[in-house]
Amino acid sequence: MAKIALMLTLSIVISAWPALPARASAMAQQDDTPAQIHTGNGKITSVADRFVTIEIQIKYLATPMAVIFTINSDTKIEGKLTVGATASVEYHTDPQGKIIASRITVQSSP
């Protein structure tokens, strides 16, 4: 029984081994490269101190999707964030997977 468990463990480690260097390389590359900036525009559906939700049209989706953007000290906001207003947003994803708004421009009020 112990031999079977050892063989099973070794087979899992061996099968995963080729992916480990690639994953480490990808992680190192993420730290060295600047974040890719994306853009979108849509309707603001909620506003909080550190977050804003905007329904934006995503490529390949038929309907707009509500995206929660994190607002931090580097976020540039032009206009007043108001529910119902239309806004454009420039954003990127940080290494932890948070969607960070770099710039939000309110285009029209409700």
Protein backbone atom coordinates (compact mmCIF):
# COMPACT_ATOMS: atom_id res chain seq x y z
CA MET A 1 0.00 0.00 0.00
CA ALA A 2 2.83 2.42 0.87
CA LYS A 3 4.51 1.65 -2.48
CA ILE A 4 1.32 2.52 -4.35
CA ALA A 5 0.99 5.83 -2.50
CA LEU A 6 4.65 6.66 -3.19
CA MET A 7 4.29 5.79 -6.87
CA LEU A 8 1.13 7.89 -7.15
CA THR A 9 2.83 10.86 -5.50
CA LEU A 10 5.88 10.56 -7.76
CA SER A 11 3.73 10.33 -10.88
CA ILE A 12 1.87 13.53 -9.92
CA VAL A 13 5.13 15.41 -9.22
CA ILE A 14 6.74 14.15 -12.43
CA SER A 15 3.71 15.05 -14.56
CA ALA A 16 3.62 18.58 -13.10
CA TRP A 17 7.38 19.17 -13.33
CA PRO A 18 7.48 20.52 -16.93
CA ALA A 19 4.97 23.25 -16.05
CA LEU A 20 6.89 24.55 -13.03
CA PRO A 21 9.73 26.34 -14.89
CA ALA A 22 7.24 27.90 -17.34
CA ARG A 23 5.09 29.16 -14.46
CA ALA A 24 8.12 30.61 -12.65
CA SER A 25 9.25 32.29 -15.87
CA ALA A 26 5.79 33.79 -16.44
CA MET A 27 5.70 35.11 -12.87
CA ALA A 28 9.15 36.68 -13.22
CA GLN A 29 8.13 38.26 -16.51
CA GLN A 30 5.01 39.77 -14.93
CA ASP A 31 7.13 41.57 -12.35
CA ASP A 32 9.44 43.04 -15.02
CA THR A 33 6.89 44.18 -17.59
CA PRO A 34 4.55 47.14 -17.28
CA ALA A 35 0.84 46.44 -16.84
CA GLN A 36 -1.17 46.31 -20.04
CA ILE A 37 -3.70 49.15 -20.18
CA HIS A 38 -7.24 48.37 -21.34
CA THR A 39 -10.09 50.76 -22.04
CA GLY A 40 -13.84 50.61 -21.86
CA ASN A 41 -16.87 52.82 -21.47
CA GLY A 42 -20.32 52.41 -20.12
CA LYS A 43 -22.81 53.29 -17.43
CA ILE A 44 -21.77 53.70 -13.78
CA THR A 45 -23.96 51.41 -11.66
CA SER A 46 -22.42 51.93 -8.20
CA VAL A 47 -19.89 54.15 -6.46
CA ALA A 48 -18.02 53.60 -3.18
CA ASP A 49 -14.91 55.13 -1.58
CA ARG A 50 -12.43 52.73 -3.19
CA PHE A 51 -14.55 51.09 -5.90
CA VAL A 52 -16.72 51.97 -8.87
CA THR A 53 -18.81 49.55 -10.91
CA ILE A 54 -19.25 50.28 -14.61
CA GLU A 55 -21.24 48.20 -17.08
CA ILE A 56 -18.86 47.96 -20.03
CA GLN A 57 -19.11 46.14 -23.33
CA ILE A 58 -16.55 43.33 -23.45
CA LYS A 59 -15.42 41.99 -26.80
CA TYR A 60 -17.08 38.70 -27.72
CA LEU A 61 -19.97 39.17 -25.24
CA ALA A 62 -23.44 40.08 -26.45
CA THR A 63 -24.41 42.17 -23.42
CA PRO A 64 -22.49 44.62 -21.22
CA MET A 65 -20.83 43.22 -18.10
CA ALA A 66 -20.63 44.93 -14.70
CA VAL A 67 -16.97 45.32 -13.78
CA ILE A 68 -15.81 46.45 -10.33
CA PHE A 69 -12.80 48.76 -10.63
CA THR A 70 -10.53 49.52 -7.68
CA ILE A 71 -9.79 53.22 -7.17
CA ASN A 72 -6.47 54.02 -5.53
CA SER A 73 -4.27 57.08 -4.98
CA ASP A 74 -2.92 56.81 -8.54
CA THR A 75 -6.38 56.82 -10.17
CA LYS A 76 -7.12 60.03 -12.05
CA ILE A 77 -10.82 60.96 -11.98
CA GLU A 78 -12.22 63.61 -14.32
CA GLY A 79 -15.76 64.67 -13.40
CA LYS A 80 -18.05 63.45 -10.63
CA LEU A 81 -18.66 59.71 -10.30
CA THR A 82 -22.44 59.45 -10.24
CA VAL A 83 -24.68 56.40 -10.61
CA GLY A 84 -26.31 56.53 -14.05
CA ALA A 85 -23.56 58.66 -15.62
CA THR A 86 -21.64 57.45 -18.67
CA ALA A 87 -17.88 57.14 -18.19
CA SER A 88 -14.79 55.88 -19.96
CA VAL A 89 -12.17 53.98 -17.99
CA GLU A 90 -8.54 53.03 -18.53
CA TYR A 91 -7.55 50.07 -16.38
CA HIS A 92 -5.09 47.25 -15.77
CA THR A 93 -4.94 44.11 -13.68
CA ASP A 94 -2.41 43.94 -10.83
CA PRO A 95 -0.46 40.76 -9.95
CA GLN A 96 -3.11 39.82 -7.36
CA GLY A 97 -5.85 39.96 -10.02
CA LYS A 98 -7.48 43.23 -8.93
CA ILE A 99 -8.79 45.44 -11.73
CA ILE A 100 -7.28 48.87 -11.08
CA ALA A 101 -8.71 52.01 -12.69
CA SER A 102 -5.89 54.24 -13.95
CA ARG A 103 -8.20 56.97 -15.28
CA ILE A 104 -11.95 57.48 -15.20
CA THR A 105 -13.53 60.22 -17.29
CA VAL A 106 -17.19 61.00 -16.67
CA GLN A 107 -18.69 61.84 -20.05
CA SER A 108 -22.30 62.62 -19.20
CA SER A 109 -24.49 62.86 -16.11
CA PRO A 110 -27.85 61.09 -15.74
